[in-house]
Structure formats: C-alpha cells, structure tokens
Amino acid sequence: MTSKRLPGKSLRVMVDKPMIRWVYDRVSRASSIRQCVVATSTDQSDDIIYEYCESEEIACFRGSLDNVLGAVLEVCGGYGAGMCED
C-alpha cells in the first residue's frame, strides 16, 4: 500500500474489482497451483489488504516489510509450498 510510484495500487479498482482480485483469480486458475496465498506485510498500512482478503475468504500471510526473503520462506513453510520443500 505504500508504493512510492502508485500508492494503494493493490486495491485500486480496475473495471469492476480491485487489482489484487484480478491477479488472485488469474493465478488461481493455473493447473499447477494447489493454493494461492496473498502475502503482505505486518505494517499497519497493509491492514486493509489483510481485511480485504478476510472478507473475500482469500488466504493471506503477513510477514516482514523489510525482510522479503524471510517472509517468502515463512509463507512457504506455513502453507507447504512445493518450491520450499527439500
């Protein structure tokens, strides 16, 4: 939500739904995807993304805003992502 070039872009409405919904719907259609999870930060500015995901029953993970790799590894561990398995 704190993007410098386009703040709030994740929830900006395009046509009839927020961008995050467009991306989620497209990714979810991939045949190799078992589960789609939105990853956002624990920063207060991203509370609105978490609340949107909850209202839409979309799995959402919250991790560090400053340690993206750590957050990716945490979400993989929490959701059993194949790319993170040995």
PDB file of N, CA and C in Angstrom:
ATOM      1  N   MET A   1       0.822  -1.198   0.000  1.00  0.00           N
ATOM      2  CA  MET A   1       0.000   0.000   0.000  1.00  0.00           C
ATOM      3  C   MET A   1       0.861   1.255   0.000  1.00  0.00           C
ATOM      4  N   THR A   2       2.120   1.144   0.359  1.00  0.00           N
ATOM      5  CA  THR A   2       2.971   2.321   0.468  1.00  0.00           C
ATOM      6  C   THR A   2       3.885   2.514  -0.736  1.00  0.00           C
ATOM      7  N   SER A   3       3.510   1.965  -1.866  1.00  0.00           N
ATOM      8  CA  SER A   3       4.300   2.141  -3.082  1.00  0.00           C
ATOM      9  C   SER A   3       4.544   3.629  -3.338  1.00  0.00           C
ATOM     10  N   LYS A   4       5.756   3.956  -3.709  1.00  0.00           N
ATOM     11  CA  LYS A   4       6.076   5.356  -3.992  1.00  0.00           C
ATOM     12  C   LYS A   4       5.526   5.801  -5.349  1.00  0.00           C
ATOM     13  N   ARG A   5       5.538   4.910  -6.335  1.00  0.00           N
ATOM     14  CA  ARG A   5       5.064   5.282  -7.670  1.00  0.00           C
ATOM     15  C   ARG A   5       3.546   5.284  -7.782  1.00  0.00           C
ATOM     16  N   LEU A   6       2.872   4.332  -7.134  1.00  0.00           N
ATOM     17  CA  LEU A   6       1.411   4.262  -7.208  1.00  0.00           C
ATOM     18  C   LEU A   6       0.855   3.721  -5.888  1.00  0.00           C
ATOM     19  N   PRO A   7       0.763   4.587  -4.894  1.00  0.00           N
ATOM     20  CA  PRO A   7       0.264   4.144  -3.581  1.00  0.00           C
ATOM     21  C   PRO A   7      -1.130   3.518  -3.683  1.00  0.00           C
ATOM     22  N   GLY A   8      -1.317   2.435  -2.939  1.00  0.00           N
ATOM     23  CA  GLY A   8      -2.624   1.781  -2.898  1.00  0.00           C
ATOM     24  C   GLY A   8      -2.976   0.973  -4.127  1.00  0.00           C
ATOM     25  N   LYS A   9      -1.982   0.687  -4.972  1.00  0.00           N
ATOM     26  CA  LYS A   9      -2.265   0.021  -6.249  1.00  0.00           C
ATOM     27  C   LYS A   9      -2.951  -1.339  -6.092  1.00  0.00           C
ATOM     28  N   SER A  10      -2.657  -2.050  -5.029  1.00  0.00           N
ATOM     29  CA  SER A  10      -3.246  -3.383  -4.833  1.00  0.00           C
ATOM     30  C   SER A  10      -4.763  -3.355  -4.771  1.00  0.00           C
ATOM     31  N   LEU A  11      -5.308  -2.303  -4.209  1.00  0.00           N
ATOM     32  CA  LEU A  11      -6.759  -2.222  -4.046  1.00  0.00           C
ATOM     33  C   LEU A  11      -7.429  -1.229  -4.994  1.00  0.00           C
ATOM     34  N   ARG A  12      -6.668  -0.680  -5.919  1.00  0.00           N
ATOM     35  CA  ARG A  12      -7.283   0.207  -6.913  1.00  0.00           C
ATOM     36  C   ARG A  12      -8.216  -0.608  -7.797  1.00  0.00           C
ATOM     37  N   VAL A  13      -9.396  -0.083  -8.002  1.00  0.00           N
ATOM     38  CA  VAL A  13     -10.397  -0.796  -8.798  1.00  0.00           C
ATOM     39  C   VAL A  13     -10.102  -0.592 -10.280  1.00  0.00           C
ATOM     40  N   MET A  14     -10.105  -1.693 -10.999  1.00  0.00           N
ATOM     41  CA  MET A  14      -9.922  -1.684 -12.443  1.00  0.00           C
ATOM     42  C   MET A  14     -11.111  -2.420 -13.035  1.00  0.00           C
ATOM     43  N   VAL A  15     -11.882  -1.736 -13.829  1.00  0.00           N
ATOM     44  CA  VAL A  15     -13.132  -2.205 -14.394  1.00  0.00           C
ATOM     45  C   VAL A  15     -14.138  -2.398 -13.254  1.00  0.00           C
ATOM     46  N   ASP A  16     -14.165  -3.579 -12.640  1.00  0.00           N
ATOM     47  CA  ASP A  16     -15.189  -3.819 -11.622  1.00  0.00           C
ATOM     48  C   ASP A  16     -14.673  -4.443 -10.329  1.00  0.00           C
ATOM     49  N   LYS A  17     -13.345  -4.606 -10.209  1.00  0.00           N
ATOM     50  CA  LYS A  17     -12.802  -5.210  -8.992  1.00  0.00           C
ATOM     51  C   LYS A  17     -11.374  -4.728  -8.759  1.00  0.00           C
ATOM     52  N   PRO A  18     -10.909  -4.859  -7.520  1.00  0.00           N
ATOM     53  CA  PRO A  18      -9.544  -4.422  -7.194  1.00  0.00           C
ATOM     54  C   PRO A  18      -8.492  -5.254  -7.930  1.00  0.00           C
ATOM     55  N   MET A  19      -7.350  -4.640  -8.174  1.00  0.00           N
ATOM     56  CA  MET A  19      -6.256  -5.329  -8.866  1.00  0.00           C
ATOM     57  C   MET A  19      -5.863  -6.629  -8.175  1.00  0.00           C
ATOM     58  N   ILE A  20      -5.856  -6.632  -6.861  1.00  0.00           N
ATOM     59  CA  ILE A  20      -5.465  -7.834  -6.130  1.00  0.00           C
ATOM     60  C   ILE A  20      -6.392  -9.006  -6.481  1.00  0.00           C
ATOM     61  N   ARG A  21      -7.658  -8.711  -6.720  1.00  0.00           N
ATOM     62  CA  ARG A  21      -8.618  -9.770  -7.083  1.00  0.00           C
ATOM     63  C   ARG A  21      -8.355 -10.274  -8.492  1.00  0.00           C
ATOM     64  N   TRP A  22      -8.033  -9.362  -9.433  1.00  0.00           N
ATOM     65  CA  TRP A  22      -7.702  -9.775 -10.798  1.00  0.00           C
ATOM     66  C   TRP A  22      -6.516 -10.740 -10.785  1.00  0.00           C
ATOM     67  N   VAL A  23      -5.463 -10.361 -10.066  1.00  0.00           N
ATOM     68  CA  VAL A  23      -4.252 -11.188 -10.021  1.00  0.00           C
ATOM     69  C   VAL A  23      -4.542 -12.522  -9.333  1.00  0.00           C
ATOM     70  N   TYR A  24      -5.225 -12.477  -8.199  1.00  0.00           N
ATOM     71  CA  TYR A  24      -5.551 -13.702  -7.469  1.00  0.00           C
ATOM     72  C   TYR A  24      -6.359 -14.665  -8.339  1.00  0.00           C
ATOM     73  N   ASP A  25      -7.374 -14.163  -9.009  1.00  0.00           N
ATOM     74  CA  ASP A  25      -8.212 -15.018  -9.858  1.00  0.00           C
ATOM     75  C   ASP A  25      -7.417 -15.657 -10.982  1.00  0.00           C
ATOM     76  N   ARG A  26      -6.533 -14.887 -11.616  1.00  0.00           N
ATOM     77  CA  ARG A  26      -5.728 -15.427 -12.725  1.00  0.00           C
ATOM     78  C   ARG A  26      -4.743 -16.483 -12.229  1.00  0.00           C
ATOM     79  N   VAL A  27      -4.055 -16.194 -11.141  1.00  0.00           N
ATOM     80  CA  VAL A  27      -3.072 -17.149 -10.610  1.00  0.00           C
ATOM     81  C   VAL A  27      -3.766 -18.428 -10.151  1.00  0.00           C
ATOM     82  N   SER A  28      -4.925 -18.298  -9.556  1.00  0.00           N
ATOM     83  CA  SER A  28      -5.662 -19.456  -9.045  1.00  0.00           C
ATOM     84  C   SER A  28      -6.073 -20.426 -10.143  1.00  0.00           C
ATOM     85  N   ARG A  29      -6.153 -19.944 -11.370  1.00  0.00           N
ATOM     86  CA  ARG A  29      -6.553 -20.806 -12.489  1.00  0.00           C
ATOM     87  C   ARG A  29      -5.441 -21.702 -13.004  1.00  0.00           C
ATOM     88  N   ALA A  30      -4.214 -21.437 -12.606  1.00  0.00           N
ATOM     89  CA  ALA A  30      -3.082 -22.236 -13.089  1.00  0.00           C
ATOM     90  C   ALA A  30      -3.231 -23.680 -12.608  1.00  0.00           C
ATOM     91  N   SER A  31      -3.058 -24.620 -13.499  1.00  0.00           N
ATOM     92  CA  SER A  31      -3.261 -26.029 -13.154  1.00  0.00           C
ATOM     93  C   SER A  31      -2.217 -26.548 -12.164  1.00  0.00           C
ATOM     94  N   SER A  32      -1.070 -25.899 -12.101  1.00  0.00           N
ATOM     95  CA  SER A  32      -0.018 -26.365 -11.196  1.00  0.00           C
ATOM     96  C   SER A  32      -0.115 -25.743  -9.794  1.00  0.00           C
ATOM     97  N   ILE A  33      -1.114 -24.912  -9.569  1.00  0.00           N
ATOM     98  CA  ILE A  33      -1.274 -24.237  -8.278  1.00  0.00           C
ATOM     99  C   ILE A  33      -2.212 -25.032  -7.382  1.00  0.00           C
ATOM    100  N   ARG A  34      -1.726 -25.402  -6.196  1.00  0.00           N
ATOM    101  CA  ARG A  34      -2.574 -26.083  -5.219  1.00  0.00           C
ATOM    102  C   ARG A  34      -3.360 -25.077  -4.387  1.00  0.00           C
ATOM    103  N   GLN A  35      -2.691 -23.998  -4.009  1.00  0.00           N
ATOM    104  CA  GLN A  35      -3.344 -22.966  -3.210  1.00  0.00           C
ATOM    105  C   GLN A  35      -2.672 -21.633  -3.501  1.00  0.00           C
ATOM    106  N   CYS A  36      -3.472 -20.622  -3.623  1.00  0.00           N
ATOM    107  CA  CYS A  36      -2.970 -19.276  -3.857  1.00  0.00           C
ATOM    108  C   CYS A  36      -3.066 -18.507  -2.546  1.00  0.00           C
ATOM    109  N   VAL A  37      -1.981 -17.854  -2.166  1.00  0.00           N
ATOM    110  CA  VAL A  37      -1.920 -17.105  -0.910  1.00  0.00           C
ATOM    111  C   VAL A  37      -1.435 -15.696  -1.205  1.00  0.00           C
ATOM    112  N   VAL A  38      -2.144 -14.715  -0.704  1.00  0.00           N
ATOM    113  CA  VAL A  38      -1.697 -13.327  -0.805  1.00  0.00           C
ATOM    114  C   VAL A  38      -0.707 -13.097   0.326  1.00  0.00           C
ATOM    115  N   ALA A  39       0.468 -12.566  -0.001  1.00  0.00           N
ATOM    116  CA  ALA A  39       1.463 -12.244   1.016  1.00  0.00           C
ATOM    117  C   ALA A  39       1.582 -10.735   1.122  1.00  0.00           C
ATOM    118  N   THR A  40       1.461 -10.241   2.326  1.00  0.00           N
ATOM    119  CA  THR A  40       1.586  -8.811   2.579  1.00  0.00           C
ATOM    120  C   THR A  40       2.391  -8.619   3.854  1.00  0.00           C
ATOM    121  N   SER A  41       2.593  -7.388   4.225  1.00  0.00           N
ATOM    122  CA  SER A  41       3.418  -7.128   5.398  1.00  0.00           C
ATOM    123  C   SER A  41       2.577  -6.957   6.664  1.00  0.00           C
ATOM    124  N   THR A  42       3.287  -6.949   7.769  1.00  0.00           N
ATOM    125  CA  THR A  42       2.634  -6.697   9.057  1.00  0.00           C
ATOM    126  C   THR A  42       2.523  -5.202   9.336  1.00  0.00           C
ATOM    127  N   ASP A  43       2.997  -4.395   8.408  1.00  0.00           N
ATOM    128  CA  ASP A  43       2.911  -2.940   8.560  1.00  0.00           C
ATOM    129  C   ASP A  43       1.441  -2.514   8.627  1.00  0.00           C
ATOM    130  N   GLN A  44       1.155  -1.553   9.470  1.00  0.00           N
ATOM    131  CA  GLN A  44      -0.224  -1.084   9.661  1.00  0.00           C
ATOM    132  C   GLN A  44      -0.858  -0.626   8.344  1.00  0.00           C
ATOM    133  N   SER A  45      -0.063  -0.105   7.437  1.00  0.00           N
ATOM    134  CA  SER A  45      -0.600   0.360   6.156  1.00  0.00           C
ATOM    135  C   SER A  45      -1.188  -0.788   5.328  1.00  0.00           C
ATOM    136  N   ASP A  46      -0.772  -2.016   5.618  1.00  0.00           N
ATOM    137  CA  ASP A  46      -1.273  -3.179   4.880  1.00  0.00           C
ATOM    138  C   ASP A  46      -2.426  -3.893   5.572  1.00  0.00           C
ATOM    139  N   ASP A  47      -2.902  -3.331   6.675  1.00  0.00           N
ATOM    140  CA  ASP A  47      -4.074  -3.910   7.349  1.00  0.00           C
ATOM    141  C   ASP A  47      -5.256  -4.015   6.392  1.00  0.00           C
ATOM    142  N   ILE A  48      -5.407  -3.034   5.514  1.00  0.00           N
ATOM    143  CA  ILE A  48      -6.540  -3.015   4.587  1.00  0.00           C
ATOM    144  C   ILE A  48      -6.478  -4.180   3.597  1.00  0.00           C
ATOM    145  N   ILE A  49      -5.281  -4.588   3.211  1.00  0.00           N
ATOM    146  CA  ILE A  49      -5.142  -5.747   2.324  1.00  0.00           C
ATOM    147  C   ILE A  49      -5.567  -7.010   3.069  1.00  0.00           C
ATOM    148  N   TYR A  50      -5.106  -7.146   4.305  1.00  0.00           N
ATOM    149  CA  TYR A  50      -5.488  -8.299   5.115  1.00  0.00           C
ATOM    150  C   TYR A  50      -7.006  -8.339   5.316  1.00  0.00           C
ATOM    151  N   GLU A  51      -7.590  -7.209   5.618  1.00  0.00           N
ATOM    152  CA  GLU A  51      -9.047  -7.143   5.823  1.00  0.00           C
ATOM    153  C   GLU A  51      -9.805  -7.485   4.545  1.00  0.00           C
ATOM    154  N   TYR A  52      -9.305  -7.022   3.409  1.00  0.00           N
ATOM    155  CA  TYR A  52      -9.938  -7.366   2.130  1.00  0.00           C
ATOM    156  C   TYR A  52      -9.885  -8.878   1.914  1.00  0.00           C
ATOM    157  N   CYS A  53      -8.725  -9.470   2.136  1.00  0.00           N
ATOM    158  CA  CYS A  53      -8.575 -10.917   1.944  1.00  0.00           C
ATOM    159  C   CYS A  53      -9.510 -11.691   2.867  1.00  0.00           C
ATOM    160  N   GLU A  54      -9.602 -11.277   4.104  1.00  0.00           N
ATOM    161  CA  GLU A  54     -10.519 -11.943   5.039  1.00  0.00           C
ATOM    162  C   GLU A  54     -11.955 -11.859   4.539  1.00  0.00           C
ATOM    163  N   SER A  55     -12.367 -10.692   4.072  1.00  0.00           N
ATOM    164  CA  SER A  55     -13.749 -10.519   3.612  1.00  0.00           C
ATOM    165  C   SER A  55     -14.041 -11.331   2.361  1.00  0.00           C
ATOM    166  N   GLU A  56     -13.013 -11.620   1.575  1.00  0.00           N
ATOM    167  CA  GLU A  56     -13.167 -12.393   0.339  1.00  0.00           C
ATOM    168  C   GLU A  56     -12.803 -13.864   0.510  1.00  0.00           C
ATOM    169  N   GLU A  57     -12.475 -14.254   1.746  1.00  0.00           N
ATOM    170  CA  GLU A  57     -12.051 -15.624   2.065  1.00  0.00           C
ATOM    171  C   GLU A  57     -10.845 -16.060   1.233  1.00  0.00           C
ATOM    172  N   ILE A  58      -9.886 -15.161   1.135  1.00  0.00           N
ATOM    173  CA  ILE A  58      -8.624 -15.414   0.440  1.00  0.00           C
ATOM    174  C   ILE A  58      -7.548 -15.619   1.500  1.00  0.00           C
ATOM    175  N   ALA A  59      -6.775 -16.705   1.370  1.00  0.00           N
ATOM    176  CA  ALA A  59      -5.692 -16.949   2.318  1.00  0.00           C
ATOM    177  C   ALA A  59      -4.701 -15.791   2.244  1.00  0.00           C
ATOM    178  N   CYS A  60      -4.288 -15.305   3.405  1.00  0.00           N
ATOM    179  CA  CYS A  60      -3.390 -14.153   3.454  1.00  0.00           C
ATOM    180  C   CYS A  60      -2.326 -14.382   4.516  1.00  0.00           C
ATOM    181  N   PHE A  61      -1.101 -14.152   4.145  1.00  0.00           N
ATOM    182  CA  PHE A  61       0.028 -14.273   5.063  1.00  0.00           C
ATOM    183  C   PHE A  61       0.622 -12.891   5.285  1.00  0.00           C
ATOM    184  N   ARG A  62       0.989 -12.612   6.524  1.00  0.00           N
ATOM    185  CA  ARG A  62       1.616 -11.331   6.847  1.00  0.00           C
ATOM    186  C   ARG A  62       3.017 -11.584   7.383  1.00  0.00           C
ATOM    187  N   GLY A  63       3.989 -10.910   6.781  1.00  0.00           N
ATOM    188  CA  GLY A  63       5.379 -11.052   7.194  1.00  0.00           C
ATOM    189  C   GLY A  63       6.075  -9.709   7.229  1.00  0.00           C
ATOM    190  N   SER A  64       7.363  -9.757   7.319  1.00  0.00           N
ATOM    191  CA  SER A  64       8.176  -8.555   7.448  1.00  0.00           C
ATOM    192  C   SER A  64       8.136  -7.696   6.186  1.00  0.00           C
ATOM    193  N   LEU A  65       8.047  -6.402   6.387  1.00  0.00           N
ATOM    194  CA  LEU A  65       8.109  -5.448   5.273  1.00  0.00           C
ATOM    195  C   LEU A  65       9.553  -5.295   4.800  1.00  0.00           C
ATOM    196  N   ASP A  66      10.502  -5.490   5.702  1.00  0.00           N
ATOM    197  CA  ASP A  66      11.909  -5.258   5.390  1.00  0.00           C
ATOM    198  C   ASP A  66      12.688  -6.509   5.025  1.00  0.00           C
ATOM    199  N   ASN A  67      12.165  -7.686   5.331  1.00  0.00           N
ATOM    200  CA  ASN A  67      12.859  -8.938   5.041  1.00  0.00           C
ATOM    201  C   ASN A  67      11.969  -9.799   4.145  1.00  0.00           C
ATOM    202  N   VAL A  68      11.964  -9.473   2.868  1.00  0.00           N
ATOM    203  CA  VAL A  68      11.074 -10.149   1.921  1.00  0.00           C
ATOM    204  C   VAL A  68      11.429 -11.634   1.795  1.00  0.00           C
ATOM    205  N   LEU A  69      12.697 -11.966   1.717  1.00  0.00           N
ATOM    206  CA  LEU A  69      13.089 -13.372   1.602  1.00  0.00           C
ATOM    207  C   LEU A  69      12.628 -14.165   2.822  1.00  0.00           C
ATOM    208  N   GLY A  70      12.795 -13.598   4.000  1.00  0.00           N
ATOM    209  CA  GLY A  70      12.331 -14.259   5.214  1.00  0.00           C
ATOM    210  C   GLY A  70      10.834 -14.493   5.184  1.00  0.00           C
ATOM    211  N   ALA A  71      10.083 -13.513   4.696  1.00  0.00           N
ATOM    212  CA  ALA A  71       8.626 -13.648   4.602  1.00  0.00           C
ATOM    213  C   ALA A  71       8.250 -14.743   3.603  1.00  0.00           C
ATOM    214  N   VAL A  72       8.956 -14.797   2.474  1.00  0.00           N
ATOM    215  CA  VAL A  72       8.690 -15.840   1.471  1.00  0.00           C
ATOM    216  C   VAL A  72       8.922 -17.223   2.075  1.00  0.00           C
ATOM    217  N   LEU A  73      10.015 -17.378   2.789  1.00  0.00           N
ATOM    218  CA  LEU A  73      10.300 -18.675   3.416  1.00  0.00           C
ATOM    219  C   LEU A  73       9.257 -19.023   4.469  1.00  0.00           C
ATOM    220  N   GLU A  74       8.793 -18.031   5.215  1.00  0.00           N
ATOM    221  CA  GLU A  74       7.753 -18.275   6.223  1.00  0.00           C
ATOM    222  C   GLU A  74       6.444 -18.704   5.577  1.00  0.00           C
ATOM    223  N   VAL A  75       6.031 -18.022   4.515  1.00  0.00           N
ATOM    224  CA  VAL A  75       4.770 -18.381   3.868  1.00  0.00           C
ATOM    225  C   VAL A  75       4.876 -19.767   3.246  1.00  0.00           C
ATOM    226  N   CYS A  76       6.020 -20.094   2.689  1.00  0.00           N
ATOM    227  CA  CYS A  76       6.209 -21.435   2.125  1.00  0.00           C
ATOM    228  C   CYS A  76       6.101 -22.497   3.211  1.00  0.00           C
ATOM    229  N   GLY A  77       6.717 -22.252   4.326  1.00  0.00           N
ATOM    230  CA  GLY A  77       6.657 -23.203   5.434  1.00  0.00           C
ATOM    231  C   GLY A  77       5.260 -23.336   5.992  1.00  0.00           C
ATOM    232  N   GLY A  78       4.559 -22.216   6.083  1.00  0.00           N
ATOM    233  CA  GLY A  78       3.211 -22.226   6.644  1.00  0.00           C
ATOM    234  C   GLY A  78       2.171 -22.864   5.751  1.00  0.00           C
ATOM    235  N   TYR A  79       2.390 -22.808   4.445  1.00  0.00           N
ATOM    236  CA  TYR A  79       1.400 -23.349   3.509  1.00  0.00           C
ATOM    237  C   TYR A  79       1.915 -24.561   2.750  1.00  0.00           C
ATOM    238  N   GLY A  80       3.115 -25.033   3.082  1.00  0.00           N
ATOM    239  CA  GLY A  80       3.642 -26.255   2.465  1.00  0.00           C
ATOM    240  C   GLY A  80       3.890 -26.115   0.975  1.00  0.00           C
ATOM    241  N   ALA A  81       4.413 -24.983   0.566  1.00  0.00           N
ATOM    242  CA  ALA A  81       4.655 -24.761  -0.865  1.00  0.00           C
ATOM    243  C   ALA A  81       5.739 -25.701  -1.376  1.00  0.00           C
ATOM    244  N   GLY A  82       5.502 -26.296  -2.518  1.00  0.00           N
ATOM    245  CA  GLY A  82       6.428 -27.238  -3.112  1.00  0.00           C
ATOM    246  C   GLY A  82       7.802 -26.663  -3.395  1.00  0.00           C
ATOM    247  N   MET A  83       7.866 -25.383  -3.738  1.00  0.00           N
ATOM    248  CA  MET A  83       9.152 -24.790  -4.089  1.00  0.00           C
ATOM    249  C   MET A  83      10.065 -24.662  -2.871  1.00  0.00           C
ATOM    250  N   CYS A  84       9.516 -24.800  -1.685  1.00  0.00           N
ATOM    251  CA  CYS A  84      10.298 -24.650  -0.465  1.00  0.00           C
ATOM    252  C   CYS A  84      10.621 -25.978   0.182  1.00  0.00           C
ATOM    253  N   GLU A  85      10.128 -27.055  -0.395  1.00  0.00           N
ATOM    254  CA  GLU A  85      10.361 -28.370   0.199  1.00  0.00           C
ATOM    255  C   GLU A  85      11.699 -28.924  -0.256  1.00  0.00           C
ATOM    256  N   ASP A  86      12.330 -29.725   0.586  1.00  0.00           N
ATOM    257  CA  ASP A  86      13.618 -30.361   0.241  1.00  0.00           C
ATOM    258  C   ASP A  86      13.437 -31.405  -0.833  1.00  0.00           C
TER     259      ASP A  86
END
